[in-house]
C-alpha atoms as a PDB file:
ATOM      1  CA  MET A   1     -52.862 117.189 -36.589  1.00  0.00           C
ATOM      2  CA  GLY A   2     -51.121 119.249 -33.877  1.00  0.00           C
ATOM      3  CA  VAL A   3     -52.690 117.117 -31.166  1.00  0.00           C
ATOM      4  CA  HIS A   4     -51.433 113.902 -32.773  1.00  0.00           C
ATOM      5  CA  LEU A   5     -47.955 115.358 -33.212  1.00  0.00           C
ATOM      6  CA  GLY A   6     -48.001 116.543 -29.595  1.00  0.00           C
ATOM      7  CA  PHE A   7     -49.058 113.104 -28.399  1.00  0.00           C
ATOM      8  CA  ARG A   8     -46.381 111.394 -30.522  1.00  0.00           C
ATOM      9  CA  ALA A   9     -43.678 113.772 -29.299  1.00  0.00           C
ATOM     10  CA  GLY A  10     -44.840 113.400 -25.707  1.00  0.00           C
ATOM     11  CA  LEU A  11     -44.913 109.621 -26.019  1.00  0.00           C
ATOM     12  CA  HIS A  12     -41.390 109.582 -27.441  1.00  0.00           C
ATOM     13  CA  CYS A  13     -40.292 111.867 -24.608  1.00  0.00           C
ATOM     14  CA  GLY A  14     -41.862 109.558 -22.038  1.00  0.00           C
ATOM     15  CA  ILE A  15     -40.215 106.494 -23.541  1.00  0.00           C
ATOM     16  CA  ALA A  16     -36.874 108.282 -23.594  1.00  0.00           C
ATOM     17  CA  VAL A  17     -37.236 109.347 -19.952  1.00  0.00           C
ATOM     18  CA  ALA A  18     -38.233 105.858 -18.808  1.00  0.00           C
ATOM     19  CA  PHE A  19     -35.430 104.252 -20.828  1.00  0.00           C
ATOM     20  CA  GLY A  20     -32.904 106.686 -19.453  1.00  0.00           C
ATOM     21  CA  LEU A  21     -34.009 106.056 -15.892  1.00  0.00           C
ATOM     22  CA  PHE A  22     -33.689 102.293 -16.155  1.00  0.00           C
ATOM     23  CA  VAL A  23     -30.411 102.465 -18.038  1.00  0.00           C
ATOM     24  CA  ALA A  24     -29.022 104.759 -15.346  1.00  0.00           C
ATOM     25  CA  SER A  25     -30.141 102.510 -12.495  1.00  0.00           C
ATOM     26  CA  PRO A  26     -27.474  99.776 -12.922  1.00  0.00           C
ATOM     27  CA  ALA A  27     -24.796 102.415 -13.362  1.00  0.00           C
ATOM     28  CA  LEU A  28     -25.796 104.099 -10.125  1.00  0.00           C
ATOM     29  CA  ALA A  29     -25.876 100.778  -8.346  1.00  0.00           C
ATOM     30  CA  LYS A  30     -22.424  99.839  -9.724  1.00  0.00           C
ATOM     31  CA  HIS A  31     -21.008 103.190  -8.651  1.00  0.00           C
ATOM     32  CA  SER A  32     -22.428 102.644  -5.170  1.00  0.00           C
ATOM     33  CA  GLU A  33     -20.800  99.210  -4.907  1.00  0.00           C
ATOM     34  CA  LYS A  34     -17.410 100.714  -5.826  1.00  0.00           C
ATOM     35  CA  ALA A  35     -17.903 103.434  -3.246  1.00  0.00           C
ATOM     36  CA  LYS A  36     -18.690 100.823  -0.605  1.00  0.00           C
ATOM     37  CA  GLY A  37     -15.520  98.885  -1.461  1.00  0.00           C
ATOM     38  CA  SER A  38     -13.312 101.984  -1.171  1.00  0.00           C
ATOM     39  CA  LYS A  39     -15.035 103.277   1.958  1.00  0.00           C
ATOM     40  CA  HIS A  40     -15.487 100.114   3.972  1.00  0.00           C
ATOM     41  CA  ALA A  41     -14.762 102.031   7.155  1.00  0.00           C
ATOM     42  CA  GLU A  42     -18.007 103.950   6.720  1.00  0.00           C
ATOM     43  CA  ALA A  43     -20.149 100.806   6.648  1.00  0.00           C
ATOM     44  CA  SER A  44     -21.264 101.246  10.243  1.00  0.00           C
ATOM     45  CA  ASP A  45     -22.534 104.738   9.442  1.00  0.00           C
ATOM     46  CA  HIS A  46     -24.372 103.506   6.360  1.00  0.00           C
ATOM     47  CA  SER A  47     -26.104 100.860   8.435  1.00  0.00           C
ATOM     48  CA  GLU A  48     -27.890 103.631  10.342  1.00  0.00           C
ATOM     49  CA  HIS A  49     -29.801 104.642   7.234  1.00  0.00           C
ATOM     50  CA  ALA A  50     -33.368 103.439   7.743  1.00  0.00           C
ATOM     51  CA  GLY A  51     -34.632 101.904   4.547  1.00  0.00           C
ATOM     52  CA  SER A  52     -31.154 100.944   3.341  1.00  0.00           C
ATOM     53  CA  ALA A  53     -31.410  98.479   0.484  1.00  0.00           C
ATOM     54  CA  ASP A  54     -28.841  96.247   2.237  1.00  0.00           C
ATOM     55  CA  GLU A  55     -30.951  96.115   5.404  1.00  0.00           C
ATOM     56  CA  THR A  56     -34.430  95.851   4.033  1.00  0.00           C
ATOM     57  CA  GLY A  57     -34.002  94.282   0.631  1.00  0.00           C
ATOM     58  CA  SER A  58     -35.123  95.899  -2.596  1.00  0.00           C
ATOM     59  CA  GLN A  59     -38.597  94.390  -2.512  1.00  0.00           C
ATOM     60  CA  GLU A  60     -39.284  95.395   1.097  1.00  0.00           C
ATOM     61  CA  LEU A  61     -38.103  98.903   0.315  1.00  0.00           C
ATOM     62  CA  ALA A  62     -40.336  98.984  -2.761  1.00  0.00           C
ATOM     63  CA  LYS A  63     -43.296  97.953  -0.592  1.00  0.00           C
ATOM     64  CA  LYS A  64     -42.594 100.759   1.857  1.00  0.00           C
ATOM     65  CA  LEU A  65     -42.396 103.275  -0.973  1.00  0.00           C
ATOM     66  CA  SER A  66     -45.847 102.130  -2.120  1.00  0.00           C
ATOM     67  CA  ASN A  67     -47.196 102.708   1.403  1.00  0.00           C
ATOM     68  CA  PRO A  68     -48.249 106.377   1.886  1.00  0.00           C
ATOM     69  CA  ILE A  69     -47.677 106.136   5.669  1.00  0.00           C
ATOM     70  CA  SER A  70     -44.588 103.925   5.937  1.00  0.00           C
ATOM     71  CA  ASP A  71     -41.705 104.583   8.355  1.00  0.00           C
ATOM     72  CA  LEU A  72     -39.398 105.946   5.625  1.00  0.00           C
ATOM     73  CA  VAL A  73     -38.137 109.529   5.448  1.00  0.00           C
ATOM     74  CA  SER A  74     -38.421 110.251   1.731  1.00  0.00           C
ATOM     75  CA  VAL A  75     -38.387 113.197  -0.663  1.00  0.00           C
ATOM     76  CA  PRO A  76     -40.101 112.470  -3.991  1.00  0.00           C
ATOM     77  CA  PHE A  77     -39.710 114.853  -6.943  1.00  0.00           C
ATOM     78  CA  GLN A  78     -42.604 114.188  -9.307  1.00  0.00           C
ATOM     79  CA  PHE A  79     -42.733 115.721 -12.803  1.00  0.00           C
ATOM     80  CA  ASN A  80     -46.090 115.743 -14.638  1.00  0.00           C
ATOM     81  CA  TRP A  81     -46.857 116.737 -18.229  1.00  0.00           C
ATOM     82  CA  GLU A  82     -50.632 117.162 -18.678  1.00  0.00           C
ATOM     83  CA  ASN A  83     -51.665 117.375 -22.322  1.00  0.00           C
ATOM     84  CA  GLY A  84     -54.800 118.562 -24.090  1.00  0.00           C
ATOM     85  CA  VAL A  85     -55.565 121.407 -21.665  1.00  0.00           C
ATOM     86  CA  GLY A  86     -57.933 124.210 -22.701  1.00  0.00           C
ATOM     87  CA  PRO A  87     -59.479 125.109 -26.070  1.00  0.00           C
ATOM     88  CA  ASP A  88     -56.145 124.920 -27.917  1.00  0.00           C
ATOM     89  CA  ASN A  89     -55.078 121.561 -26.358  1.00  0.00           C
ATOM     90  CA  GLY A  90     -52.176 123.143 -24.522  1.00  0.00           C
ATOM     91  CA  LEU A  91     -49.591 121.692 -22.150  1.00  0.00           C
ATOM     92  CA  LYS A  92     -49.671 122.131 -18.368  1.00  0.00           C
ATOM     93  CA  THR A  93     -46.679 121.050 -16.305  1.00  0.00           C
ATOM     94  CA  VAL A  94     -46.626 120.349 -12.578  1.00  0.00           C
ATOM     95  CA  LEU A  95     -43.603 119.635 -10.410  1.00  0.00           C
ATOM     96  CA  ASN A  96     -44.659 118.131  -7.073  1.00  0.00           C
ATOM     97  CA  ILE A  97     -42.156 118.026  -4.231  1.00  0.00           C
ATOM     98  CA  GLN A  98     -43.629 115.623  -1.671  1.00  0.00           C
ATOM     99  CA  PRO A  99     -41.541 115.097   1.488  1.00  0.00           C
ATOM    100  CA  VAL A 100     -42.741 112.459   3.957  1.00  0.00           C
ATOM    101  CA  VAL A 101     -41.483 112.460   7.559  1.00  0.00           C
ATOM    102  CA  PRO A 102     -42.627 109.813  10.096  1.00  0.00           C
ATOM    103  CA  PHE A 103     -42.337 110.164  13.872  1.00  0.00           C
ATOM    104  CA  GLU A 104     -42.722 107.517  16.558  1.00  0.00           C
ATOM    105  CA  ILE A 105     -44.797 109.238  19.247  1.00  0.00           C
ATOM    106  CA  SER A 106     -45.116 106.084  21.367  1.00  0.00           C
ATOM    107  CA  HIS A 107     -44.443 102.358  21.014  1.00  0.00           C
ATOM    108  CA  LYS A 108     -48.051 101.996  19.786  1.00  0.00           C
ATOM    109  CA  TRP A 109     -48.543 105.055  17.590  1.00  0.00           C
ATOM    110  CA  ASN A 110     -46.771 106.766  14.674  1.00  0.00           C
ATOM    111  CA  LEU A 111     -47.320 110.264  13.302  1.00  0.00           C
ATOM    112  CA  ILE A 112     -46.659 110.666   9.576  1.00  0.00           C
ATOM    113  CA  GLU A 113     -46.355 114.163   8.101  1.00  0.00           C
ATOM    114  CA  ARG A 114     -46.834 114.589   4.347  1.00  0.00           C
ATOM    115  CA  TRP A 115     -46.429 117.724   2.231  1.00  0.00           C
ATOM    116  CA  ILE A 116     -47.334 118.286  -1.408  1.00  0.00           C
ATOM    117  CA  MET A 117     -45.697 121.429  -2.798  1.00  0.00           C
ATOM    118  CA  PRO A 118     -46.576 121.950  -6.496  1.00  0.00           C
ATOM    119  CA  TYR A 119     -44.975 124.344  -8.946  1.00  0.00           C
ATOM    120  CA  VAL A 120     -47.414 124.865 -11.828  1.00  0.00           C
ATOM    121  CA  SER A 121     -46.887 126.173 -15.359  1.00  0.00           C
ATOM    122  CA  GLN A 122     -50.140 126.812 -17.231  1.00  0.00           C
ATOM    123  CA  PRO A 123     -50.718 126.831 -21.031  1.00  0.00           C
ATOM    124  CA  GLU A 124     -51.217 129.911 -23.223  1.00  0.00           C
ATOM    125  CA  TYR A 125     -54.965 130.248 -22.708  1.00  0.00           C
ATOM    126  CA  LEU A 126     -54.206 131.001 -19.034  1.00  0.00           C
ATOM    127  CA  GLN A 127     -51.556 133.597 -20.010  1.00  0.00           C
ATOM    128  CA  ASN A 128     -48.743 131.111 -19.358  1.00  0.00           C
ATOM    129  CA  ALA A 129     -49.196 131.734 -15.640  1.00  0.00           C
ATOM    130  CA  SER A 130     -46.713 129.913 -13.430  1.00  0.00           C
ATOM    131  CA  GLY A 131     -45.744 129.780  -9.784  1.00  0.00           C
ATOM    132  CA  LEU A 132     -45.982 127.905  -6.524  1.00  0.00           C
ATOM    133  CA  SER A 133     -49.505 126.529  -6.147  1.00  0.00           C
ATOM    134  CA  ASP A 134     -51.434 125.574  -3.010  1.00  0.00           C
ATOM    135  CA  ILE A 135     -49.429 123.515  -0.528  1.00  0.00           C
ATOM    136  CA  THR A 136     -51.261 120.544   0.978  1.00  0.00           C
ATOM    137  CA  PHE A 137     -50.173 119.376   4.429  1.00  0.00           C
ATOM    138  CA  SER A 138     -51.492 116.120   5.923  1.00  0.00           C
ATOM    139  CA  SER A 139     -50.932 114.449   9.282  1.00  0.00           C
ATOM    140  CA  PHE A 140     -51.742 110.781   9.820  1.00  0.00           C
ATOM    141  CA  PHE A 141     -51.967 109.093  13.218  1.00  0.00           C
ATOM    142  CA  SER A 142     -51.338 105.409  12.554  1.00  0.00           C
ATOM    143  CA  PRO A 143     -51.245 102.512  15.057  1.00  0.00           C
ATOM    144  CA  ASN A 144     -48.003 100.514  15.093  1.00  0.00           C
ATOM    145  CA  THR A 145     -49.617  97.078  15.115  1.00  0.00           C
ATOM    146  CA  GLY A 146     -47.155  95.199  12.902  1.00  0.00           C
ATOM    147  CA  LYS A 147     -50.116  93.707  11.013  1.00  0.00           C
ATOM    148  CA  SER A 148     -50.707  93.569   7.265  1.00  0.00           C
ATOM    149  CA  LEU A 149     -53.740  95.890   7.498  1.00  0.00           C
ATOM    150  CA  ILE A 150     -52.482  99.454   7.945  1.00  0.00           C
ATOM    151  CA  TRP A 151     -54.513 102.603   8.435  1.00  0.00           C
ATOM    152  CA  GLY A 152     -54.071 106.223   9.412  1.00  0.00           C
ATOM    153  CA  VAL A 153     -56.354 109.191  10.054  1.00  0.00           C
ATOM    154  CA  GLY A 154     -55.852 112.886  10.708  1.00  0.00           C
ATOM    155  CA  PRO A 155     -56.307 116.449   9.434  1.00  0.00           C
ATOM    156  CA  VAL A 156     -55.428 117.931   6.048  1.00  0.00           C
ATOM    157  CA  LEU A 157     -54.756 121.636   5.461  1.00  0.00           C
ATOM    158  CA  THR A 158     -54.283 123.637   2.267  1.00  0.00           C
ATOM    159  CA  LEU A 159     -52.053 126.698   2.463  1.00  0.00           C
ATOM    160  CA  PRO A 160     -52.626 129.202  -0.371  1.00  0.00           C
ATOM    161  CA  MET A 161     -49.392 130.484  -1.943  1.00  0.00           C
ATOM    162  CA  SER A 162     -50.821 132.822  -4.601  1.00  0.00           C
ATOM    163  CA  SER A 163     -53.858 135.030  -5.237  1.00  0.00           C
ATOM    164  CA  ASP A 164     -53.607 134.234  -8.971  1.00  0.00           C
ATOM    165  CA  ALA A 165     -56.607 132.033  -9.780  1.00  0.00           C
ATOM    166  CA  ALA A 166     -54.682 130.425 -12.656  1.00  0.00           C
ATOM    167  CA  VAL A 167     -52.106 129.075 -10.208  1.00  0.00           C
ATOM    168  CA  GLY A 168     -53.994 128.303  -6.981  1.00  0.00           C
ATOM    169  CA  SER A 169     -57.340 128.477  -5.213  1.00  0.00           C
ATOM    170  CA  GLY A 170     -56.427 131.589  -3.215  1.00  0.00           C
ATOM    171  CA  GLN A 171     -58.197 130.104  -0.206  1.00  0.00           C
ATOM    172  CA  TRP A 172     -57.406 128.452   3.085  1.00  0.00           C
ATOM    173  CA  SER A 173     -59.006 125.013   3.270  1.00  0.00           C
ATOM    174  CA  ALA A 174     -59.068 122.156   5.758  1.00  0.00           C
ATOM    175  CA  GLY A 175     -60.756 118.845   6.460  1.00  0.00           C
ATOM    176  CA  PRO A 176     -60.203 115.177   7.371  1.00  0.00           C
ATOM    177  CA  THR A 177     -57.972 112.637   5.648  1.00  0.00           C
ATOM    178  CA  PHE A 178     -57.799 108.857   5.859  1.00  0.00           C
ATOM    179  CA  VAL A 179     -55.723 106.051   4.371  1.00  0.00           C
ATOM    180  CA  VAL A 180     -56.124 102.290   4.548  1.00  0.00           C
ATOM    181  CA  LEU A 181     -54.049  99.612   2.817  1.00  0.00           C
ATOM    182  CA  LYS A 182     -53.409  95.896   2.849  1.00  0.00           C
ATOM    183  CA  LEU A 183     -50.065  94.123   2.429  1.00  0.00           C
ATOM    184  CA  GLN A 184     -50.559  90.681   0.887  1.00  0.00           C
ATOM    185  CA  GLY A 185     -47.504  88.866  -0.439  1.00  0.00           C
ATOM    186  CA  ASP A 186     -46.096  90.786  -3.396  1.00  0.00           C
ATOM    187  CA  TRP A 187     -49.205  92.979  -3.541  1.00  0.00           C
ATOM    188  CA  ILE A 188     -50.222  96.231  -1.881  1.00  0.00           C
ATOM    189  CA  TYR A 189     -53.641  97.796  -2.363  1.00  0.00           C
ATOM    190  CA  GLY A 190     -55.561 100.530  -0.646  1.00  0.00           C
ATOM    191  CA  LEU A 191     -57.166 103.977  -0.724  1.00  0.00           C
ATOM    192  CA  LEU A 192     -56.101 107.460   0.343  1.00  0.00           C
ATOM    193  CA  TRP A 193     -58.930 109.997   0.747  1.00  0.00           C
ATOM    194  CA  ASN A 194     -59.443 113.541   1.914  1.00  0.00           C
ATOM    195  CA  GLN A 195     -62.194 116.144   1.899  1.00  0.00           C
ATOM    196  CA  GLN A 196     -61.598 119.880   2.231  1.00  0.00           C
ATOM    197  CA  TRP A 197     -63.726 122.991   2.664  1.00  0.00           C
ATOM    198  CA  SER A 198     -62.478 126.591   2.398  1.00  0.00           C
ATOM    199  CA  TYR A 199     -62.826 128.907   5.401  1.00  0.00           C
ATOM    200  CA  ALA A 200     -60.889 132.073   4.395  1.00  0.00           C
ATOM    201  CA  THR A 201     -59.575 133.812   1.260  1.00  0.00           C
ATOM    202  CA  VAL A 202     -56.336 135.694   0.562  1.00  0.00           C
ATOM    203  CA  SER A 203     -57.878 138.563  -1.443  1.00  0.00           C
ATOM    204  CA  ASP A 204     -61.132 140.462  -2.031  1.00  0.00           C
ATOM    205  CA  ARG A 205     -61.625 138.780  -5.383  1.00  0.00           C
ATOM    206  CA  ALA A 206     -64.849 136.780  -5.606  1.00  0.00           C
ATOM    207  CA  ARG A 207     -64.109 133.050  -5.649  1.00  0.00           C
ATOM    208  CA  LEU A 208     -66.092 129.854  -5.675  1.00  0.00           C
ATOM    209  CA  ALA A 209     -65.833 128.231  -2.241  1.00  0.00           C
ATOM    210  CA  VAL A 210     -63.707 125.093  -2.043  1.00  0.00           C
ATOM    211  CA  ASN A 211     -65.660 121.899  -1.448  1.00  0.00           C
ATOM    212  CA  GLN A 212     -63.399 119.209  -2.840  1.00  0.00           C
ATOM    213  CA  GLY A 213     -62.804 115.501  -2.369  1.00  0.00           C
ATOM    214  CA  PHE A 214     -59.669 113.584  -3.291  1.00  0.00           C
ATOM    215  CA  PHE A 215     -59.690 109.827  -3.943  1.00  0.00           C
ATOM    216  CA  GLN A 216     -56.518 107.804  -4.598  1.00  0.00           C
ATOM    217  CA  PRO A 217     -57.187 104.070  -4.978  1.00  0.00           C
ATOM    218  CA  PHE A 218     -54.051 102.084  -5.793  1.00  0.00           C
ATOM    219  CA  ILE A 219     -52.796  98.558  -6.351  1.00  0.00           C
ATOM    220  CA  ALA A 220     -49.068  97.764  -6.624  1.00  0.00           C
ATOM    221  CA  TRP A 221     -47.183  94.595  -7.531  1.00  0.00           C
ATOM    222  CA  THR A 222     -43.619  94.407  -6.225  1.00  0.00           C
ATOM    223  CA  ARG A 223     -40.785  92.136  -7.339  1.00  0.00           C
ATOM    224  CA  PRO A 224     -37.593  90.952  -5.552  1.00  0.00           C
ATOM    225  CA  SER A 225     -35.563  93.028  -8.031  1.00  0.00           C
ATOM    226  CA  GLY A 226     -37.099  96.197  -6.596  1.00  0.00           C
ATOM    227  CA  VAL A 227     -39.376  96.797  -9.589  1.00  0.00           C
ATOM    228  CA  THR A 228     -42.930  97.906  -8.786  1.00  0.00           C
ATOM    229  CA  VAL A 229     -45.855  98.131 -11.207  1.00  0.00           C
ATOM    230  CA  THR A 230     -48.647 100.371  -9.933  1.00  0.00           C
ATOM    231  CA  LEU A 231     -52.145 101.041 -11.248  1.00  0.00           C
ATOM    232  CA  GLN A 232     -53.780 103.999  -9.533  1.00  0.00           C
ATOM    233  CA  SER A 233     -55.936 107.085  -9.829  1.00  0.00           C
ATOM    234  CA  GLU A 234     -55.717 110.548  -8.291  1.00  0.00           C
ATOM    235  CA  SER A 235     -59.337 111.571  -8.705  1.00  0.00           C
ATOM    236  CA  ILE A 236     -60.677 114.969  -7.693  1.00  0.00           C
ATOM    237  CA  ALA A 237     -64.357 115.743  -7.087  1.00  0.00           C
ATOM    238  CA  ASN A 238     -65.253 119.440  -7.135  1.00  0.00           C
ATOM    239  CA  TRP A 239     -68.632 119.243  -5.436  1.00  0.00           C
ATOM    240  CA  ASN A 240     -69.435 122.921  -6.199  1.00  0.00           C
ATOM    241  CA  ALA A 241     -68.853 122.611  -9.951  1.00  0.00           C
ATOM    242  CA  ALA A 242     -71.501 121.976 -12.591  1.00  0.00           C
ATOM    243  CA  GLU A 243     -72.601 118.348 -12.884  1.00  0.00           C
ATOM    244  CA  ASN A 244     -70.613 117.702 -16.072  1.00  0.00           C
ATOM    245  CA  SER A 245     -67.462 119.262 -14.535  1.00  0.00           C
ATOM    246  CA  THR A 246     -67.473 117.642 -11.103  1.00  0.00           C
ATOM    247  CA  TRP A 247     -64.978 114.838 -11.679  1.00  0.00           C
ATOM    248  CA  THR A 248     -61.371 114.757 -12.840  1.00  0.00           C
ATOM    249  CA  VAL A 249     -60.374 111.082 -13.071  1.00  0.00           C
ATOM    250  CA  PRO A 250     -56.986 109.954 -14.431  1.00  0.00           C
ATOM    251  CA  ILE A 251     -56.036 106.282 -14.657  1.00  0.00           C
ATOM    252  CA  ASN A 252     -52.254 106.008 -14.258  1.00  0.00           C
ATOM    253  CA  LEU A 253     -49.920 103.088 -14.960  1.00  0.00           C
ATOM    254  CA  LEU A 254     -46.507 103.540 -13.312  1.00  0.00           C
ATOM    255  CA  VAL A 255     -43.295 101.480 -13.204  1.00  0.00           C
ATOM    256  CA  SER A 256     -40.592 102.164 -10.609  1.00  0.00           C
ATOM    257  CA  LYS A 257     -37.211 100.674  -9.697  1.00  0.00           C
ATOM    258  CA  VAL A 258     -35.285 100.793  -6.407  1.00  0.00           C
ATOM    259  CA  THR A 259     -31.580 101.477  -6.808  1.00  0.00           C
ATOM    260  CA  THR A 260     -28.993 103.578  -4.942  1.00  0.00           C
ATOM    261  CA  LEU A 261     -27.613 107.093  -5.255  1.00  0.00           C
ATOM    262  CA  GLY A 262     -24.254 107.102  -3.484  1.00  0.00           C
ATOM    263  CA  PRO A 263     -24.926 105.788   0.037  1.00  0.00           C
ATOM    264  CA  PHE A 264     -28.669 106.390  -0.142  1.00  0.00           C
ATOM    265  CA  PRO A 265     -31.467 104.169  -1.454  1.00  0.00           C
ATOM    266  CA  PHE A 266     -33.136 105.814  -4.408  1.00  0.00           C
ATOM    267  CA  SER A 267     -36.178 105.129  -6.585  1.00  0.00           C
ATOM    268  CA  VAL A 268     -36.877 106.116 -10.182  1.00  0.00           C
ATOM    269  CA  GLN A 269     -40.312 105.983 -11.769  1.00  0.00           C
ATOM    270  CA  GLY A 270     -41.929 106.558 -15.134  1.00  0.00           C
ATOM    271  CA  GLY A 271     -45.456 106.194 -16.400  1.00  0.00           C
ATOM    272  CA  ALA A 272     -48.450 107.572 -18.242  1.00  0.00           C
ATOM    273  CA  GLY A 273     -52.115 108.170 -17.648  1.00  0.00           C
ATOM    274  CA  VAL A 274     -55.353 108.862 -19.467  1.00  0.00           C
ATOM    275  CA  TYR A 275     -58.245 110.979 -18.182  1.00  0.00           C
ATOM    276  CA  VAL A 276     -61.521 109.069 -18.332  1.00  0.00           C
ATOM    277  CA  ALA A 277     -63.352 112.107 -16.943  1.00  0.00           C
ATOM    278  CA  SER A 278     -62.430 115.796 -16.749  1.00  0.00           C
ATOM    279  CA  PRO A 279     -64.015 119.246 -17.199  1.00  0.00           C
ATOM    280  CA  ASP A 280     -64.224 120.667 -20.724  1.00  0.00           C
ATOM    281  CA  SER A 281     -60.949 122.545 -20.237  1.00  0.00           C
ATOM    282  CA  GLY A 282     -59.261 119.628 -18.473  1.00  0.00           C
ATOM    283  CA  PRO A 283     -56.425 117.444 -19.792  1.00  0.00           C
ATOM    284  CA  ASP A 284     -56.774 114.329 -21.933  1.00  0.00           C
ATOM    285  CA  TRP A 285     -53.595 112.420 -21.038  1.00  0.00           C
ATOM    286  CA  LYS A 286     -50.386 112.784 -19.038  1.00  0.00           C
ATOM    287  CA  LEU A 287     -46.805 111.624 -18.645  1.00  0.00           C
ATOM    288  CA  ARG A 288     -44.964 111.287 -15.335  1.00  0.00           C
ATOM    289  CA  ALA A 289     -41.383 110.850 -14.173  1.00  0.00           C
ATOM    290  CA  ALA A 290     -40.445 110.753 -10.488  1.00  0.00           C
ATOM    291  CA  PHE A 291     -37.293 110.461  -8.407  1.00  0.00           C
ATOM    292  CA  THR A 292     -37.446 109.591  -4.702  1.00  0.00           C
ATOM    293  CA  LEU A 293     -34.522 110.058  -2.332  1.00  0.00           C
ATOM    294  CA  ILE A 294     -34.691 108.123   0.950  1.00  0.00           C
ATOM    295  CA  LEU A 295     -32.920 109.862   3.807  1.00  0.00           C
ATOM    296  CA  PRO A 296     -31.339 108.581   7.031  1.00  0.00           C
ATOM    297  CA  ARG A 297     -33.570 108.225  10.053  1.00  0.00           C
ATOM    298  CA  ARG A 298     -31.909 108.157  13.473  1.00  0.00           C
ATOM    299  CA  ARG A 299     -33.628 105.913  15.991  1.00  0.00           C
END
C-alpha cells in the first residue's frame, strides 16, 4: 500500500513540477522581451552570447542541447528522485550539476570538457547517508567537420569525494570515453559510452574493484517551438557484480522546452523513467526535473 501511495504522490509531484515549468516558460520569455525593449542599448552585448535564442533559433538551440559535445557553454542542474530503493522501497535523491565547456583548439578540432558532480541522499536502510559523490570528468576531442555525423573520443576520470561506501566508490578510476551522434532533420540520435577501472583507493577499507561500463543511447525529436522529446537510457554495467546484479537499465522519457532567463537562453525539462533491470536493492522508477543555463561564450 505504501509503495502505491509513494508512486501516486511521486507521480503527482512530477506532474506538478512539469506543469509549473511549462507555465513559467512563457512568463520568463515575456519578461525577457520587456527587458529587451527597455534595454535596447544592450542589444549588441546580448548578441555576443553564443547560443542566443535570437541568433540560433529555438529549434537549433534545442538540437545543440541534445548534443553532448556541442559548442555551447551550459550548466545543467538535474534533480532525480529514485523510488523503490532497498528492502523498504525507500527514496534516493540525486542532484547532478553537469557543466559543459567547449574549447576550439584549432580550426579543425574542438575540445569539450564535461563534469558530473552528484550530491546523493540515500534512504533509511543506508543510514540516510548523504554527501558529494564521485565526480566524473570527461574530455572529448571532436573534429570540426560541419557534417551531420558528429563524434568525439577521449579520457574519463572519476575523482572520489568520500570514503563512505554509501555515498561513493572511494576509489580513483579512469578509462576511455566515446560519443557518436547523427543529426537528421528534426531528429538527433546517438550513443555516449565509457568504461572505467579503479587504480587506487582513498582508505584501507576493503572494496570491490571498479570495473564499470556506462551506456547512454538516445533519440530526440525537436520542434521549431523549442520543445524536445527524448527517449534515452543511462545504463550501468558493473562487470564485477554477480550475474543477476550486473545491469542497471532505466528507460527515460523526457520533455524539455527552450525559453529565456533574463538575457540568457534557458531550458527546462521534466520526465520519468522505469528500471527494466536493476540489482535487488536497486530502484524501480524515477522522476526527473532539470534546468539548464546557457552562458556567454566569447569568440
